[in-house]
């Protein structure tokens, strides 16, 4: 695996290897590349993995701070079927849905599962269109892509 100039690094207390395998089973072009024990650091393991072709490194080593919403992984989805598939898969085994397309997986990592055109709709130069999308989004847990697009396209009378 080629390490990029910037590579996401996730620190888990004990489950880095399990988390990497879980994610690699969900997303295409994904795999666990290597697990390396670090004998001088007790039970510490480094896990190199790839999601959608993007390299990641994870570490299992006790004492990690818990994950929070300050950093999340955003997945842009082409259609509602893809959005539903990733949403449901990441919730498997004890994840929890949250507001506005966010969820927390069973390992505590925050994800945003969004329609691929959401950012463009929210950045539209027409403030009324952007506001309708934002207002609609704020009422959703899992995103309904058609509902967001309908709010974006709606004309006011």
C-alpha atoms as a PDB file:
ATOM      1  CA  UNK A   1       0.000   0.000   0.000  1.00  0.00           C
ATOM      2  CA  UNK A   2       1.343   3.411  -0.930  1.00  0.00           C
ATOM      3  CA  UNK A   3       0.983   5.858   1.905  1.00  0.00           C
ATOM      4  CA  UNK A   4      -0.287   9.216   0.670  1.00  0.00           C
ATOM      5  CA  UNK A   5       1.110  12.572   1.699  1.00  0.00           C
ATOM      6  CA  UNK A   6      -1.946  12.824   3.967  1.00  0.00           C
ATOM      7  CA  UNK A   7      -3.438   9.545   5.197  1.00  0.00           C
ATOM      8  CA  UNK A   8      -6.290   9.310   7.730  1.00  0.00           C
ATOM      9  CA  UNK A   9      -5.106   7.621  10.946  1.00  0.00           C
ATOM     10  CA  UNK A  10      -7.698   6.213  13.358  1.00  0.00           C
ATOM     11  CA  UNK A  11      -6.813   5.201  16.925  1.00  0.00           C
ATOM     12  CA  UNK A  12      -8.999   2.531  18.526  1.00  0.00           C
ATOM     13  CA  UNK A  13      -8.553   1.187  22.030  1.00  0.00           C
ATOM     14  CA  UNK A  14      -8.765  -2.458  20.960  1.00  0.00           C
ATOM     15  CA  UNK A  15     -10.677  -2.972  17.724  1.00  0.00           C
ATOM     16  CA  UNK A  16      -8.715  -1.485  14.813  1.00  0.00           C
ATOM     17  CA  UNK A  17      -8.352  -4.787  12.983  1.00  0.00           C
ATOM     18  CA  UNK A  18     -12.048  -5.654  13.405  1.00  0.00           C
ATOM     19  CA  UNK A  19     -13.125  -2.152  12.315  1.00  0.00           C
ATOM     20  CA  UNK A  20     -10.927  -2.199   9.195  1.00  0.00           C
ATOM     21  CA  UNK A  21     -12.316  -5.596   8.157  1.00  0.00           C
ATOM     22  CA  UNK A  22     -15.888  -4.365   8.811  1.00  0.00           C
ATOM     23  CA  UNK A  23     -15.380  -1.293   6.593  1.00  0.00           C
ATOM     24  CA  UNK A  24     -13.589  -3.267   3.869  1.00  0.00           C
ATOM     25  CA  UNK A  25     -16.568  -5.646   3.660  1.00  0.00           C
ATOM     26  CA  UNK A  26     -18.943  -2.720   3.112  1.00  0.00           C
ATOM     27  CA  UNK A  27     -17.234  -0.625   0.449  1.00  0.00           C
ATOM     28  CA  UNK A  28     -15.980  -1.586  -3.025  1.00  0.00           C
ATOM     29  CA  UNK A  29     -12.280  -1.264  -3.873  1.00  0.00           C
ATOM     30  CA  UNK A  30     -11.531  -1.844  -0.181  1.00  0.00           C
ATOM     31  CA  UNK A  31      -9.357  -4.309   1.714  1.00  0.00           C
ATOM     32  CA  UNK A  32      -7.182  -4.840   4.750  1.00  0.00           C
ATOM     33  CA  UNK A  33      -3.613  -4.676   3.473  1.00  0.00           C
ATOM     34  CA  UNK A  34      -1.500  -5.547   6.499  1.00  0.00           C
ATOM     35  CA  UNK A  35      -1.686  -5.952  10.261  1.00  0.00           C
ATOM     36  CA  UNK A  36       1.545  -5.367  12.135  1.00  0.00           C
ATOM     37  CA  UNK A  37       2.055  -6.181  15.799  1.00  0.00           C
ATOM     38  CA  UNK A  38       4.244  -3.717  17.673  1.00  0.00           C
ATOM     39  CA  UNK A  39       5.873  -6.012  20.289  1.00  0.00           C
ATOM     40  CA  UNK A  40       7.624  -3.191  22.104  1.00  0.00           C
ATOM     41  CA  UNK A  41       4.233  -1.584  22.788  1.00  0.00           C
ATOM     42  CA  UNK A  42       2.289  -4.452  24.372  1.00  0.00           C
ATOM     43  CA  UNK A  43      -0.824  -5.452  22.421  1.00  0.00           C
ATOM     44  CA  UNK A  44      -0.523  -2.532  19.988  1.00  0.00           C
ATOM     45  CA  UNK A  45      -1.249  -3.297  16.325  1.00  0.00           C
ATOM     46  CA  UNK A  46      -1.055  -1.125  13.232  1.00  0.00           C
ATOM     47  CA  UNK A  47      -3.625  -1.893  10.549  1.00  0.00           C
ATOM     48  CA  UNK A  48      -3.174  -0.667   6.994  1.00  0.00           C
ATOM     49  CA  UNK A  49      -6.360  -0.707   4.951  1.00  0.00           C
ATOM     50  CA  UNK A  50      -7.961   0.833   1.868  1.00  0.00           C
ATOM     51  CA  UNK A  51     -11.519   2.162   1.479  1.00  0.00           C
ATOM     52  CA  UNK A  52     -12.669   3.124  -2.022  1.00  0.00           C
ATOM     53  CA  UNK A  53      -8.999   3.138  -3.019  1.00  0.00           C
ATOM     54  CA  UNK A  54      -8.113   5.620  -0.223  1.00  0.00           C
ATOM     55  CA  UNK A  55      -5.373   4.407   2.160  1.00  0.00           C
ATOM     56  CA  UNK A  56      -6.044   4.503   5.902  1.00  0.00           C
ATOM     57  CA  UNK A  57      -4.044   3.446   8.919  1.00  0.00           C
ATOM     58  CA  UNK A  58      -5.574   2.394  12.205  1.00  0.00           C
ATOM     59  CA  UNK A  59      -4.011   1.490  15.506  1.00  0.00           C
ATOM     60  CA  UNK A  60      -5.239  -0.619  18.386  1.00  0.00           C
ATOM     61  CA  UNK A  61      -3.635   0.575  21.560  1.00  0.00           C
ATOM     62  CA  UNK A  62      -5.297   1.108  24.907  1.00  0.00           C
ATOM     63  CA  UNK A  63      -6.026   4.546  26.238  1.00  0.00           C
ATOM     64  CA  UNK A  64      -7.309   6.136  23.042  1.00  0.00           C
ATOM     65  CA  UNK A  65      -9.594   9.132  23.257  1.00  0.00           C
ATOM     66  CA  UNK A  66     -13.051   8.229  22.041  1.00  0.00           C
ATOM     67  CA  UNK A  67     -14.093   9.353  18.579  1.00  0.00           C
ATOM     68  CA  UNK A  68     -16.423  12.341  18.296  1.00  0.00           C
ATOM     69  CA  UNK A  69     -18.128  14.435  15.621  1.00  0.00           C
ATOM     70  CA  UNK A  70     -15.126  16.717  15.191  1.00  0.00           C
ATOM     71  CA  UNK A  71     -13.940  14.370  12.454  1.00  0.00           C
ATOM     72  CA  UNK A  72     -16.222  12.216  10.339  1.00  0.00           C
ATOM     73  CA  UNK A  73     -15.989  10.216   7.141  1.00  0.00           C
ATOM     74  CA  UNK A  74     -18.272  11.531   4.394  1.00  0.00           C
ATOM     75  CA  UNK A  75     -19.560   9.113   1.768  1.00  0.00           C
ATOM     76  CA  UNK A  76     -21.084  10.671  -1.365  1.00  0.00           C
ATOM     77  CA  UNK A  77     -23.716   8.359  -2.827  1.00  0.00           C
ATOM     78  CA  UNK A  78     -24.946   8.254  -6.418  1.00  0.00           C
ATOM     79  CA  UNK A  79     -28.518   7.272  -5.604  1.00  0.00           C
ATOM     80  CA  UNK A  80     -30.882   6.326  -2.782  1.00  0.00           C
ATOM     81  CA  UNK A  81     -30.109   2.615  -3.165  1.00  0.00           C
ATOM     82  CA  UNK A  82     -26.403   3.220  -2.520  1.00  0.00           C
ATOM     83  CA  UNK A  83     -27.182   5.588   0.346  1.00  0.00           C
ATOM     84  CA  UNK A  84     -29.498   3.019   1.965  1.00  0.00           C
ATOM     85  CA  UNK A  85     -26.951   0.206   1.510  1.00  0.00           C
ATOM     86  CA  UNK A  86     -24.107   2.075   3.243  1.00  0.00           C
ATOM     87  CA  UNK A  87     -26.372   3.530   5.924  1.00  0.00           C
ATOM     88  CA  UNK A  88     -27.742   0.113   6.871  1.00  0.00           C
ATOM     89  CA  UNK A  89     -24.375  -1.656   6.675  1.00  0.00           C
ATOM     90  CA  UNK A  90     -22.608   0.884   8.913  1.00  0.00           C
ATOM     91  CA  UNK A  91     -25.377   0.645  11.529  1.00  0.00           C
ATOM     92  CA  UNK A  92     -25.040  -3.156  11.656  1.00  0.00           C
ATOM     93  CA  UNK A  93     -23.940  -4.601  14.970  1.00  0.00           C
ATOM     94  CA  UNK A  94     -24.735  -1.660  17.199  1.00  0.00           C
ATOM     95  CA  UNK A  95     -24.316   1.616  15.327  1.00  0.00           C
ATOM     96  CA  UNK A  96     -26.659   4.524  16.016  1.00  0.00           C
ATOM     97  CA  UNK A  97     -28.413   6.863  13.582  1.00  0.00           C
ATOM     98  CA  UNK A  98     -28.103  10.579  14.218  1.00  0.00           C
ATOM     99  CA  UNK A  99     -29.523  13.727  12.629  1.00  0.00           C
ATOM    100  CA  UNK A 100     -28.837  15.136   9.161  1.00  0.00           C
ATOM    101  CA  UNK A 101     -27.355  12.064   7.504  1.00  0.00           C
ATOM    102  CA  UNK A 102     -24.907  11.316  10.318  1.00  0.00           C
ATOM    103  CA  UNK A 103     -24.467   8.002  12.054  1.00  0.00           C
ATOM    104  CA  UNK A 104     -22.034   6.529  14.495  1.00  0.00           C
ATOM    105  CA  UNK A 105     -20.847   2.993  13.750  1.00  0.00           C
ATOM    106  CA  UNK A 106     -20.404   0.326  16.425  1.00  0.00           C
ATOM    107  CA  UNK A 107     -16.760   1.389  16.866  1.00  0.00           C
ATOM    108  CA  UNK A 108     -17.733   4.994  17.590  1.00  0.00           C
ATOM    109  CA  UNK A 109     -16.601   6.504  14.269  1.00  0.00           C
ATOM    110  CA  UNK A 110     -18.890   9.207  12.839  1.00  0.00           C
ATOM    111  CA  UNK A 111     -19.997   8.943   9.218  1.00  0.00           C
ATOM    112  CA  UNK A 112     -22.020  11.203   6.956  1.00  0.00           C
ATOM    113  CA  UNK A 113     -23.889   9.259   4.276  1.00  0.00           C
ATOM    114  CA  UNK A 114     -25.093  11.823   1.763  1.00  0.00           C
ATOM    115  CA  UNK A 115     -26.457  12.207  -1.766  1.00  0.00           C
ATOM    116  CA  UNK A 116     -23.581  13.138  -4.072  1.00  0.00           C
ATOM    117  CA  UNK A 117     -25.256  16.415  -5.084  1.00  0.00           C
ATOM    118  CA  UNK A 118     -26.035  17.646  -1.554  1.00  0.00           C
ATOM    119  CA  UNK A 119     -23.047  19.987  -1.241  1.00  0.00           C
ATOM    120  CA  UNK A 120     -23.761  21.548  -4.646  1.00  0.00           C
ATOM    121  CA  UNK A 121     -27.413  22.122  -3.720  1.00  0.00           C
ATOM    122  CA  UNK A 122     -26.429  23.707  -0.404  1.00  0.00           C
ATOM    123  CA  UNK A 123     -23.880  25.927  -2.158  1.00  0.00           C
ATOM    124  CA  UNK A 124     -26.317  27.157  -4.814  1.00  0.00           C
ATOM    125  CA  UNK A 125     -25.995  30.907  -5.365  1.00  0.00           C
ATOM    126  CA  UNK A 126     -29.791  31.198  -5.042  1.00  0.00           C
ATOM    127  CA  UNK A 127     -30.218  31.569  -1.265  1.00  0.00           C
ATOM    128  CA  UNK A 128     -33.851  30.426  -1.398  1.00  0.00           C
ATOM    129  CA  UNK A 129     -32.896  27.104  -3.017  1.00  0.00           C
ATOM    130  CA  UNK A 130     -30.039  26.537  -0.567  1.00  0.00           C
ATOM    131  CA  UNK A 131     -32.292  27.411   2.381  1.00  0.00           C
ATOM    132  CA  UNK A 132     -35.014  24.986   1.252  1.00  0.00           C
ATOM    133  CA  UNK A 133     -32.461  22.177   1.039  1.00  0.00           C
ATOM    134  CA  UNK A 134     -31.007  23.062   4.460  1.00  0.00           C
ATOM    135  CA  UNK A 135     -34.471  23.266   6.055  1.00  0.00           C
ATOM    136  CA  UNK A 136     -35.448  19.902   4.571  1.00  0.00           C
ATOM    137  CA  UNK A 137     -32.145  18.324   5.590  1.00  0.00           C
ATOM    138  CA  UNK A 138     -32.535  19.460   9.201  1.00  0.00           C
ATOM    139  CA  UNK A 139     -35.750  17.410   9.500  1.00  0.00           C
ATOM    140  CA  UNK A 140     -34.134  14.171   8.328  1.00  0.00           C
ATOM    141  CA  UNK A 141     -32.146  11.465  10.058  1.00  0.00           C
ATOM    142  CA  UNK A 142     -31.227   9.251   7.086  1.00  0.00           C
ATOM    143  CA  UNK A 143     -31.336  11.345   3.941  1.00  0.00           C
ATOM    144  CA  UNK A 144     -34.113  10.984   1.402  1.00  0.00           C
ATOM    145  CA  UNK A 145     -32.316  12.092  -1.765  1.00  0.00           C
ATOM    146  CA  UNK A 146     -35.567  12.621  -3.711  1.00  0.00           C
ATOM    147  CA  UNK A 147     -36.961  14.784  -0.894  1.00  0.00           C
ATOM    148  CA  UNK A 148     -33.837  16.957  -0.867  1.00  0.00           C
ATOM    149  CA  UNK A 149     -33.912  17.320  -4.652  1.00  0.00           C
ATOM    150  CA  UNK A 150     -37.631  18.180  -4.572  1.00  0.00           C
ATOM    151  CA  UNK A 151     -36.975  20.934  -2.027  1.00  0.00           C
ATOM    152  CA  UNK A 152     -34.162  22.242  -4.220  1.00  0.00           C
ATOM    153  CA  UNK A 153     -36.290  22.266  -7.392  1.00  0.00           C
ATOM    154  CA  UNK A 154     -39.497  23.576  -5.833  1.00  0.00           C
ATOM    155  CA  UNK A 155     -40.641  26.956  -7.025  1.00  0.00           C
ATOM    156  CA  UNK A 156     -42.390  29.331  -4.687  1.00  0.00           C
ATOM    157  CA  UNK A 157     -45.815  30.676  -5.557  1.00  0.00           C
END
